[in-house]
Amino acid sequence: MQPRKLFVLAACLATFTTMAQRKTPTVLLDYYFNNEWHRTPAGDSARFHYTWEDKANSGFSKLGDIFKSQGFLLASLPAAPGPADLKKASVYIIADPDIETENPHPHFISPQDVKVIKDWVKAGGVLVLMGNDKGNAEFQHFNQLSETFGIHFNEDCVNHVIGEDRAPGTIHTPADDPIFKSSLQLYMKDVASLRLTAPARPAIINNGAVIAATARMGKGTVFAVGDPWIYNEYIDNHILPASFQNMEGATAWVRWLKEQVR
């Protein structure tokens, strides 16, 4: 084959590869504002708690499997988000920002972080904010970001569960739910409630408390929830009774997130 034809073929292959990569959405998980480490049984220091790699009850490995099953690439960001970092992401998740008891030197969300993330959402990004109940997450700086989209995480604890009584953590979605698409019995325990202003709208209300919300800004979408409710411990039924459908709910939620991706 002539050199020019080889060059043209290589250029075409590179173009097709780039197009395929652009069509594959990437879900980017924050490892900077949530930056917890522990000692492994072998004595090594390892990152854990709401991470893709953490396969214990505390991790997001099973959620990562759902994202992959829906055609996403998994990525993580161990630094403050910059425009170039977010440009590569379709969905960006911040879960459970650190407090001092979890990390003696926490990275708090800064005004610059708020601007970068807001600009990315306005350009079409899909942002997921997962809080936690009082005493288990940082609120002041996290709210400076969420309030940009009309969402305030209250420093409280609703759906409080004591022992094995699962009833307070039970949530029922309606059959015509715009996110979950069907009637499901979900489980969310010890959740921070939300206070909303425009443009935010409630997504889940339980016992009068808003515990999840959505917001549109520019071309982008925000989903906020008061707990990282589908970590490994509660995403399936290895601990939960069989009546709960968190796995089905998580799958429907990921599909909805994919629908928001531009």
C-alpha atoms as a PDB file:
ATOM      1  CA  MET A   1       0.000   0.000   0.000  1.00  0.00           C
ATOM      2  CA  GLN A   2       1.263   3.468  -0.881  1.00  0.00           C
ATOM      3  CA  PRO A   3       2.457   5.732   1.975  1.00  0.00           C
ATOM      4  CA  ARG A   4      -0.259   8.320   1.254  1.00  0.00           C
ATOM      5  CA  LYS A   5      -2.994   5.687   1.445  1.00  0.00           C
ATOM      6  CA  LEU A   6      -1.519   4.384   4.696  1.00  0.00           C
ATOM      7  CA  PHE A   7      -1.534   7.915   6.090  1.00  0.00           C
ATOM      8  CA  VAL A   8      -5.165   8.473   5.075  1.00  0.00           C
ATOM      9  CA  LEU A   9      -6.178   5.106   6.576  1.00  0.00           C
ATOM     10  CA  ALA A  10      -4.424   5.899   9.853  1.00  0.00           C
ATOM     11  CA  ALA A  11      -6.079   9.311   9.980  1.00  0.00           C
ATOM     12  CA  CYS A  12      -9.509   7.747   9.406  1.00  0.00           C
ATOM     13  CA  LEU A  13      -8.935   5.152  12.117  1.00  0.00           C
ATOM     14  CA  ALA A  14      -7.852   7.874  14.540  1.00  0.00           C
ATOM     15  CA  THR A  15     -10.976   9.883  13.711  1.00  0.00           C
ATOM     16  CA  PHE A  16     -13.254   6.899  14.239  1.00  0.00           C
ATOM     17  CA  THR A  17     -11.520   6.130  17.555  1.00  0.00           C
ATOM     18  CA  THR A  18     -11.978   9.720  18.725  1.00  0.00           C
ATOM     19  CA  MET A  19     -15.646   9.691  17.733  1.00  0.00           C
ATOM     20  CA  ALA A  20     -16.208   6.427  19.610  1.00  0.00           C
ATOM     21  CA  GLN A  21     -14.524   7.835  22.716  1.00  0.00           C
ATOM     22  CA  ARG A  22     -16.711  10.942  22.567  1.00  0.00           C
ATOM     23  CA  LYS A  23     -19.833   8.794  22.400  1.00  0.00           C
ATOM     24  CA  THR A  24     -18.801   6.853  25.525  1.00  0.00           C
ATOM     25  CA  PRO A  25     -19.863   8.804  28.633  1.00  0.00           C
ATOM     26  CA  THR A  26     -17.464   9.018  31.577  1.00  0.00           C
ATOM     27  CA  VAL A  27     -18.573   9.159  35.198  1.00  0.00           C
ATOM     28  CA  LEU A  28     -15.985  10.991  37.295  1.00  0.00           C
ATOM     29  CA  LEU A  29     -15.967  10.324  41.047  1.00  0.00           C
ATOM     30  CA  ASP A  30     -14.433  12.889  43.385  1.00  0.00           C
ATOM     31  CA  TYR A  31     -11.515  11.639  45.508  1.00  0.00           C
ATOM     32  CA  TYR A  32     -10.478  15.110  46.738  1.00  0.00           C
ATOM     33  CA  PHE A  33     -13.314  16.462  48.900  1.00  0.00           C
ATOM     34  CA  ASN A  34     -13.936  12.872  50.016  1.00  0.00           C
ATOM     35  CA  ASN A  35     -10.404  11.681  50.781  1.00  0.00           C
ATOM     36  CA  GLU A  36     -10.451   9.026  53.500  1.00  0.00           C
ATOM     37  CA  TRP A  37      -7.673   6.494  54.160  1.00  0.00           C
ATOM     38  CA  HIS A  38      -7.265   3.518  56.469  1.00  0.00           C
ATOM     39  CA  ARG A  39      -4.817   0.751  57.305  1.00  0.00           C
ATOM     40  CA  THR A  40      -5.325  -2.531  55.497  1.00  0.00           C
ATOM     41  CA  PRO A  41      -4.818  -5.884  57.278  1.00  0.00           C
ATOM     42  CA  ALA A  42      -1.399  -5.969  55.594  1.00  0.00           C
ATOM     43  CA  GLY A  43      -0.498  -2.676  57.259  1.00  0.00           C
ATOM     44  CA  ASP A  44      -0.650  -0.558  54.103  1.00  0.00           C
ATOM     45  CA  SER A  45      -2.465   2.749  53.801  1.00  0.00           C
ATOM     46  CA  ALA A  46      -5.348   2.625  51.317  1.00  0.00           C
ATOM     47  CA  ARG A  47      -8.041   4.991  50.162  1.00  0.00           C
ATOM     48  CA  PHE A  48     -11.572   3.821  51.038  1.00  0.00           C
ATOM     49  CA  HIS A  49     -15.174   4.940  51.629  1.00  0.00           C
ATOM     50  CA  TYR A  50     -17.304   5.753  48.582  1.00  0.00           C
ATOM     51  CA  THR A  51     -14.621   4.848  46.039  1.00  0.00           C
ATOM     52  CA  TRP A  52     -14.792   2.651  42.939  1.00  0.00           C
ATOM     53  CA  GLU A  53     -12.012   0.388  44.252  1.00  0.00           C
ATOM     54  CA  ASP A  54     -13.498  -0.192  47.713  1.00  0.00           C
ATOM     55  CA  LYS A  55     -15.271  -3.586  47.558  1.00  0.00           C
ATOM     56  CA  ALA A  56     -16.191  -3.638  51.245  1.00  0.00           C
ATOM     57  CA  ASN A  57     -19.564  -2.453  52.503  1.00  0.00           C
ATOM     58  CA  SER A  58     -18.189   1.105  52.554  1.00  0.00           C
ATOM     59  CA  GLY A  59     -17.391   1.250  48.828  1.00  0.00           C
ATOM     60  CA  PHE A  60     -18.969   2.178  45.511  1.00  0.00           C
ATOM     61  CA  SER A  61     -17.645  -0.824  43.567  1.00  0.00           C
ATOM     62  CA  LYS A  62     -21.114  -2.261  42.906  1.00  0.00           C
ATOM     63  CA  LEU A  63     -22.408   1.126  41.795  1.00  0.00           C
ATOM     64  CA  GLY A  64     -19.417   1.281  39.450  1.00  0.00           C
ATOM     65  CA  ASP A  65     -20.488  -2.052  37.978  1.00  0.00           C
ATOM     66  CA  ILE A  66     -23.924  -0.586  37.230  1.00  0.00           C
ATOM     67  CA  PHE A  67     -22.415   2.434  35.510  1.00  0.00           C
ATOM     68  CA  LYS A  68     -20.237   0.137  33.399  1.00  0.00           C
ATOM     69  CA  SER A  69     -23.244  -2.030  32.505  1.00  0.00           C
ATOM     70  CA  GLN A  70     -24.933   1.129  31.206  1.00  0.00           C
ATOM     71  CA  GLY A  71     -21.995   1.982  28.963  1.00  0.00           C
ATOM     72  CA  PHE A  72     -20.039   4.402  31.174  1.00  0.00           C
ATOM     73  CA  LEU A  73     -16.299   4.593  31.662  1.00  0.00           C
ATOM     74  CA  LEU A  74     -15.222   4.990  35.311  1.00  0.00           C
ATOM     75  CA  ALA A  75     -12.743   7.662  36.361  1.00  0.00           C
ATOM     76  CA  SER A  76     -11.728   9.367  39.601  1.00  0.00           C
ATOM     77  CA  LEU A  77     -10.316  12.786  40.453  1.00  0.00           C
ATOM     78  CA  PRO A  78      -7.900  13.052  43.413  1.00  0.00           C
ATOM     79  CA  ALA A  79      -7.416  16.810  42.932  1.00  0.00           C
ATOM     80  CA  ALA A  80      -9.560  19.923  42.976  1.00  0.00           C
ATOM     81  CA  PRO A  81     -11.674  20.002  39.810  1.00  0.00           C
ATOM     82  CA  GLY A  82     -10.328  22.120  36.975  1.00  0.00           C
ATOM     83  CA  PRO A  83     -12.027  22.960  33.671  1.00  0.00           C
ATOM     84  CA  ALA A  84      -9.849  20.468  31.803  1.00  0.00           C
ATOM     85  CA  ASP A  85     -10.723  17.691  34.278  1.00  0.00           C
ATOM     86  CA  LEU A  86     -14.451  18.244  34.025  1.00  0.00           C
ATOM     87  CA  LYS A  87     -14.387  18.665  30.261  1.00  0.00           C
ATOM     88  CA  LYS A  88     -13.587  14.936  30.036  1.00  0.00           C
ATOM     89  CA  ALA A  89     -16.537  13.991  32.274  1.00  0.00           C
ATOM     90  CA  SER A  90     -20.198  13.464  31.430  1.00  0.00           C
ATOM     91  CA  VAL A  91     -21.233  12.920  35.062  1.00  0.00           C
ATOM     92  CA  TYR A  92     -19.324  14.233  38.095  1.00  0.00           C
ATOM     93  CA  ILE A  93     -20.132  12.819  41.551  1.00  0.00           C
ATOM     94  CA  ILE A  94     -19.197  14.391  44.893  1.00  0.00           C
ATOM     95  CA  ALA A  95     -20.168  12.190  47.834  1.00  0.00           C
ATOM     96  CA  ASP A  96     -19.826  12.823  51.565  1.00  0.00           C
ATOM     97  CA  PRO A  97     -17.241  15.657  51.748  1.00  0.00           C
ATOM     98  CA  ASP A  98     -14.827  15.170  54.634  1.00  0.00           C
ATOM     99  CA  ILE A  99     -14.954  16.515  58.148  1.00  0.00           C
ATOM    100  CA  GLU A 100     -11.977  16.609  60.512  1.00  0.00           C
ATOM    101  CA  THR A 101     -12.894  13.357  62.258  1.00  0.00           C
ATOM    102  CA  GLU A 102     -12.642  11.559  58.912  1.00  0.00           C
ATOM    103  CA  ASN A 103      -9.627  13.441  57.596  1.00  0.00           C
ATOM    104  CA  PRO A 104      -7.476  15.672  59.838  1.00  0.00           C
ATOM    105  CA  HIS A 105      -6.721  17.897  56.833  1.00  0.00           C
ATOM    106  CA  PRO A 106      -9.944  18.024  54.798  1.00  0.00           C
ATOM    107  CA  HIS A 107     -10.192  19.732  51.421  1.00  0.00           C
ATOM    108  CA  PHE A 108     -13.126  22.111  51.629  1.00  0.00           C
ATOM    109  CA  ILE A 109     -14.993  23.261  48.529  1.00  0.00           C
ATOM    110  CA  SER A 110     -13.718  26.751  47.638  1.00  0.00           C
ATOM    111  CA  PRO A 111     -15.348  29.641  45.734  1.00  0.00           C
ATOM    112  CA  GLN A 112     -13.091  28.766  42.796  1.00  0.00           C
ATOM    113  CA  ASP A 113     -14.345  25.163  42.873  1.00  0.00           C
ATOM    114  CA  VAL A 114     -17.924  26.443  42.879  1.00  0.00           C
ATOM    115  CA  LYS A 115     -17.280  28.595  39.808  1.00  0.00           C
ATOM    116  CA  VAL A 116     -15.569  25.808  37.868  1.00  0.00           C
ATOM    117  CA  ILE A 117     -18.319  23.298  38.635  1.00  0.00           C
ATOM    118  CA  LYS A 118     -21.141  25.770  37.942  1.00  0.00           C
ATOM    119  CA  ASP A 119     -19.659  26.727  34.574  1.00  0.00           C
ATOM    120  CA  TRP A 120     -19.323  23.043  33.658  1.00  0.00           C
ATOM    121  CA  VAL A 121     -22.948  22.329  34.569  1.00  0.00           C
ATOM    122  CA  LYS A 122     -24.171  25.327  32.568  1.00  0.00           C
ATOM    123  CA  ALA A 123     -22.245  23.966  29.564  1.00  0.00           C
ATOM    124  CA  GLY A 124     -24.073  20.614  29.836  1.00  0.00           C
ATOM    125  CA  GLY A 125     -22.482  18.673  32.688  1.00  0.00           C
ATOM    126  CA  VAL A 126     -24.455  16.320  34.943  1.00  0.00           C
ATOM    127  CA  LEU A 127     -23.578  16.887  38.599  1.00  0.00           C
ATOM    128  CA  VAL A 128     -24.449  14.488  41.434  1.00  0.00           C
ATOM    129  CA  LEU A 129     -24.211  15.716  45.023  1.00  0.00           C
ATOM    130  CA  MET A 130     -24.519  13.127  47.800  1.00  0.00           C
ATOM    131  CA  GLY A 131     -24.544  14.446  51.331  1.00  0.00           C
ATOM    132  CA  ASN A 132     -24.831  12.621  54.637  1.00  0.00           C
ATOM    133  CA  ASP A 133     -26.539  13.100  57.975  1.00  0.00           C
ATOM    134  CA  LYS A 134     -25.443  15.487  60.717  1.00  0.00           C
ATOM    135  CA  GLY A 135     -22.039  14.588  62.158  1.00  0.00           C
ATOM    136  CA  ASN A 136     -20.994  12.521  59.159  1.00  0.00           C
ATOM    137  CA  ALA A 137     -20.380  15.121  56.443  1.00  0.00           C
ATOM    138  CA  GLU A 138     -19.242  18.700  55.908  1.00  0.00           C
ATOM    139  CA  PHE A 139     -22.111  21.146  55.343  1.00  0.00           C
ATOM    140  CA  GLN A 140     -20.901  24.759  55.266  1.00  0.00           C
ATOM    141  CA  HIS A 141     -18.714  24.611  52.158  1.00  0.00           C
ATOM    142  CA  PHE A 142     -20.738  21.871  50.461  1.00  0.00           C
ATOM    143  CA  ASN A 143     -23.791  24.131  50.693  1.00  0.00           C
ATOM    144  CA  GLN A 144     -21.913  26.963  49.015  1.00  0.00           C
ATOM    145  CA  LEU A 145     -21.832  24.716  45.953  1.00  0.00           C
ATOM    146  CA  SER A 146     -25.303  23.188  46.215  1.00  0.00           C
ATOM    147  CA  GLU A 147     -27.006  26.521  46.908  1.00  0.00           C
ATOM    148  CA  THR A 148     -25.774  27.717  43.519  1.00  0.00           C
ATOM    149  CA  PHE A 149     -28.428  25.360  42.154  1.00  0.00           C
ATOM    150  CA  GLY A 150     -31.110  26.159  44.749  1.00  0.00           C
ATOM    151  CA  ILE A 151     -30.349  23.194  47.036  1.00  0.00           C
ATOM    152  CA  HIS A 152     -29.452  23.460  50.731  1.00  0.00           C
ATOM    153  CA  PHE A 153     -28.442  20.400  52.769  1.00  0.00           C
ATOM    154  CA  ASN A 154     -29.958  20.717  56.233  1.00  0.00           C
ATOM    155  CA  GLU A 155     -27.661  19.647  59.050  1.00  0.00           C
ATOM    156  CA  ASP A 156     -30.098  17.073  60.373  1.00  0.00           C
ATOM    157  CA  CYS A 157     -30.997  13.376  60.215  1.00  0.00           C
ATOM    158  CA  VAL A 158     -34.285  12.054  58.850  1.00  0.00           C
ATOM    159  CA  ASN A 159     -35.261   8.451  58.116  1.00  0.00           C
ATOM    160  CA  HIS A 160     -33.335   7.565  61.268  1.00  0.00           C
ATOM    161  CA  VAL A 161     -33.001   3.813  61.681  1.00  0.00           C
ATOM    162  CA  ILE A 162     -32.294   2.121  65.025  1.00  0.00           C
ATOM    163  CA  GLY A 163     -31.116  -1.473  65.012  1.00  0.00           C
ATOM    164  CA  GLU A 164     -32.879  -3.817  62.602  1.00  0.00           C
ATOM    165  CA  ASP A 165     -36.107  -1.858  62.345  1.00  0.00           C
ATOM    166  CA  ARG A 166     -35.934  -0.948  58.630  1.00  0.00           C
ATOM    167  CA  ALA A 167     -39.342   0.733  58.465  1.00  0.00           C
ATOM    168  CA  PRO A 168     -38.114   4.336  59.025  1.00  0.00           C
ATOM    169  CA  GLY A 169     -35.781   3.967  56.043  1.00  0.00           C
ATOM    170  CA  THR A 170     -38.456   2.738  53.645  1.00  0.00           C
ATOM    171  CA  ILE A 171     -39.333   4.886  50.612  1.00  0.00           C
ATOM    172  CA  HIS A 172     -41.913   4.104  47.930  1.00  0.00           C
ATOM    173  CA  THR A 173     -41.599   5.626  44.470  1.00  0.00           C
ATOM    174  CA  PRO A 174     -44.749   6.120  42.352  1.00  0.00           C
ATOM    175  CA  ALA A 175     -45.283   4.110  39.177  1.00  0.00           C
ATOM    176  CA  ASP A 176     -44.911   7.246  37.036  1.00  0.00           C
ATOM    177  CA  ASP A 177     -41.768   8.513  38.789  1.00  0.00           C
ATOM    178  CA  PRO A 178     -39.719  10.495  36.220  1.00  0.00           C
ATOM    179  CA  ILE A 179     -36.408   9.134  37.518  1.00  0.00           C
ATOM    180  CA  PHE A 180     -37.102   5.601  38.732  1.00  0.00           C
ATOM    181  CA  LYS A 181     -39.824   4.965  36.109  1.00  0.00           C
ATOM    182  CA  SER A 182     -41.765   2.491  38.265  1.00  0.00           C
ATOM    183  CA  SER A 183     -43.089   1.732  41.727  1.00  0.00           C
ATOM    184  CA  LEU A 184     -40.147   0.608  43.872  1.00  0.00           C
ATOM    185  CA  GLN A 185     -39.476   0.062  47.558  1.00  0.00           C
ATOM    186  CA  LEU A 186     -36.174   1.775  48.297  1.00  0.00           C
ATOM    187  CA  TYR A 187     -34.103   2.052  51.462  1.00  0.00           C
ATOM    188  CA  MET A 188     -32.413   5.262  52.628  1.00  0.00           C
ATOM    189  CA  LYS A 189     -31.377   5.543  56.258  1.00  0.00           C
ATOM    190  CA  ASP A 190     -30.076   8.506  58.270  1.00  0.00           C
ATOM    191  CA  VAL A 191     -30.458  11.129  55.543  1.00  0.00           C
ATOM    192  CA  ALA A 192     -29.934  14.897  55.536  1.00  0.00           C
ATOM    193  CA  SER A 193     -33.093  16.655  54.383  1.00  0.00           C
ATOM    194  CA  LEU A 194     -33.000  19.391  51.739  1.00  0.00           C
ATOM    195  CA  ARG A 195     -34.384  22.931  51.536  1.00  0.00           C
ATOM    196  CA  LEU A 196     -35.078  24.104  48.005  1.00  0.00           C
ATOM    197  CA  THR A 197     -35.371  27.346  46.085  1.00  0.00           C
ATOM    198  CA  ALA A 198     -35.593  27.895  42.330  1.00  0.00           C
ATOM    199  CA  PRO A 199     -34.430  26.298  40.079  1.00  0.00           C
ATOM    200  CA  ALA A 200     -34.431  23.162  42.278  1.00  0.00           C
ATOM    201  CA  ARG A 201     -37.396  20.809  42.405  1.00  0.00           C
ATOM    202  CA  PRO A 202     -38.066  17.877  44.759  1.00  0.00           C
ATOM    203  CA  ALA A 203     -37.310  14.396  43.425  1.00  0.00           C
ATOM    204  CA  ILE A 204     -38.071  12.332  46.561  1.00  0.00           C
ATOM    205  CA  ILE A 205     -40.280  13.442  49.450  1.00  0.00           C
ATOM    206  CA  ASN A 206     -40.712  11.133  52.413  1.00  0.00           C
ATOM    207  CA  ASN A 207     -42.813  11.911  55.491  1.00  0.00           C
ATOM    208  CA  GLY A 208     -42.901  15.558  54.462  1.00  0.00           C
ATOM    209  CA  ALA A 209     -39.109  15.909  54.097  1.00  0.00           C
ATOM    210  CA  VAL A 210     -37.382  16.490  50.776  1.00  0.00           C
ATOM    211  CA  ILE A 211     -34.465  14.057  50.619  1.00  0.00           C
ATOM    212  CA  ALA A 212     -33.576  14.254  46.919  1.00  0.00           C
ATOM    213  CA  ALA A 213     -33.890  17.028  44.343  1.00  0.00           C
ATOM    214  CA  THR A 214     -33.037  17.968  40.789  1.00  0.00           C
ATOM    215  CA  ALA A 215     -32.136  21.277  39.197  1.00  0.00           C
ATOM    216  CA  ARG A 216     -31.550  22.487  35.664  1.00  0.00           C
ATOM    217  CA  MET A 217     -29.049  25.197  34.873  1.00  0.00           C
ATOM    218  CA  GLY A 218     -28.096  26.158  31.354  1.00  0.00           C
ATOM    219  CA  LYS A 219     -27.655  22.924  29.422  1.00  0.00           C
ATOM    220  CA  GLY A 220     -26.846  20.874  32.522  1.00  0.00           C
ATOM    221  CA  THR A 221     -28.548  18.897  35.273  1.00  0.00           C
ATOM    222  CA  VAL A 222     -27.978  18.488  39.018  1.00  0.00           C
ATOM    223  CA  PHE A 223     -29.191  15.623  41.192  1.00  0.00           C
ATOM    224  CA  ALA A 224     -28.774  15.960  44.968  1.00  0.00           C
ATOM    225  CA  VAL A 225     -29.583  13.459  47.703  1.00  0.00           C
ATOM    226  CA  GLY A 226     -29.021  13.572  51.453  1.00  0.00           C
ATOM    227  CA  ASP A 227     -27.086  10.296  51.659  1.00  0.00           C
ATOM    228  CA  PRO A 228     -24.764   8.139  49.495  1.00  0.00           C
ATOM    229  CA  TRP A 229     -27.610   5.630  49.697  1.00  0.00           C
ATOM    230  CA  ILE A 230     -26.380   3.059  47.155  1.00  0.00           C
ATOM    231  CA  TYR A 231     -22.962   2.210  48.518  1.00  0.00           C
ATOM    232  CA  ASN A 232     -22.147  -1.496  48.715  1.00  0.00           C
ATOM    233  CA  GLU A 233     -23.789  -2.073  52.081  1.00  0.00           C
ATOM    234  CA  TYR A 234     -27.255  -1.081  50.885  1.00  0.00           C
ATOM    235  CA  ILE A 235     -27.238  -1.411  47.101  1.00  0.00           C
ATOM    236  CA  ASP A 236     -28.401  -5.028  47.135  1.00  0.00           C
ATOM    237  CA  ASN A 237     -29.958  -7.558  49.476  1.00  0.00           C
ATOM    238  CA  HIS A 238     -26.952  -9.188  51.120  1.00  0.00           C
ATOM    239  CA  ILE A 239     -27.950  -7.209  54.229  1.00  0.00           C
ATOM    240  CA  LEU A 240     -31.302  -5.683  53.299  1.00  0.00           C
ATOM    241  CA  PRO A 241     -34.482  -7.792  53.320  1.00  0.00           C
ATOM    242  CA  ALA A 242     -35.524  -9.052  49.883  1.00  0.00           C
ATOM    243  CA  SER A 243     -38.451  -6.611  49.781  1.00  0.00           C
ATOM    244  CA  PHE A 244     -36.117  -3.659  49.147  1.00  0.00           C
ATOM    245  CA  GLN A 245     -35.223  -2.797  45.553  1.00  0.00           C
ATOM    246  CA  ASN A 246     -32.173  -0.564  45.814  1.00  0.00           C
ATOM    247  CA  MET A 247     -30.373  -2.424  43.014  1.00  0.00           C
ATOM    248  CA  GLU A 248     -33.301  -1.832  40.653  1.00  0.00           C
ATOM    249  CA  GLY A 249     -33.511   1.754  41.854  1.00  0.00           C
ATOM    250  CA  ALA A 250     -29.800   2.351  41.335  1.00  0.00           C
ATOM    251  CA  THR A 251     -29.979   0.942  37.813  1.00  0.00           C
ATOM    252  CA  ALA A 252     -32.961   3.130  36.930  1.00  0.00           C
ATOM    253  CA  TRP A 253     -31.190   6.164  38.427  1.00  0.00           C
ATOM    254  CA  VAL A 254     -28.036   5.552  36.378  1.00  0.00           C
ATOM    255  CA  ARG A 255     -30.148   5.197  33.228  1.00  0.00           C
ATOM    256  CA  TRP A 256     -31.787   8.535  34.066  1.00  0.00           C
ATOM    257  CA  LEU A 257     -28.390  10.170  34.543  1.00  0.00           C
ATOM    258  CA  LYS A 258     -27.338   8.835  31.132  1.00  0.00           C
ATOM    259  CA  GLU A 259     -30.454  10.377  29.599  1.00  0.00           C
ATOM    260  CA  GLN A 260     -29.318  13.779  30.919  1.00  0.00           C
ATOM    261  CA  VAL A 261     -25.898  13.544  29.287  1.00  0.00           C
ATOM    262  CA  ARG A 262     -25.442  15.793  26.257  1.00  0.00           C
END
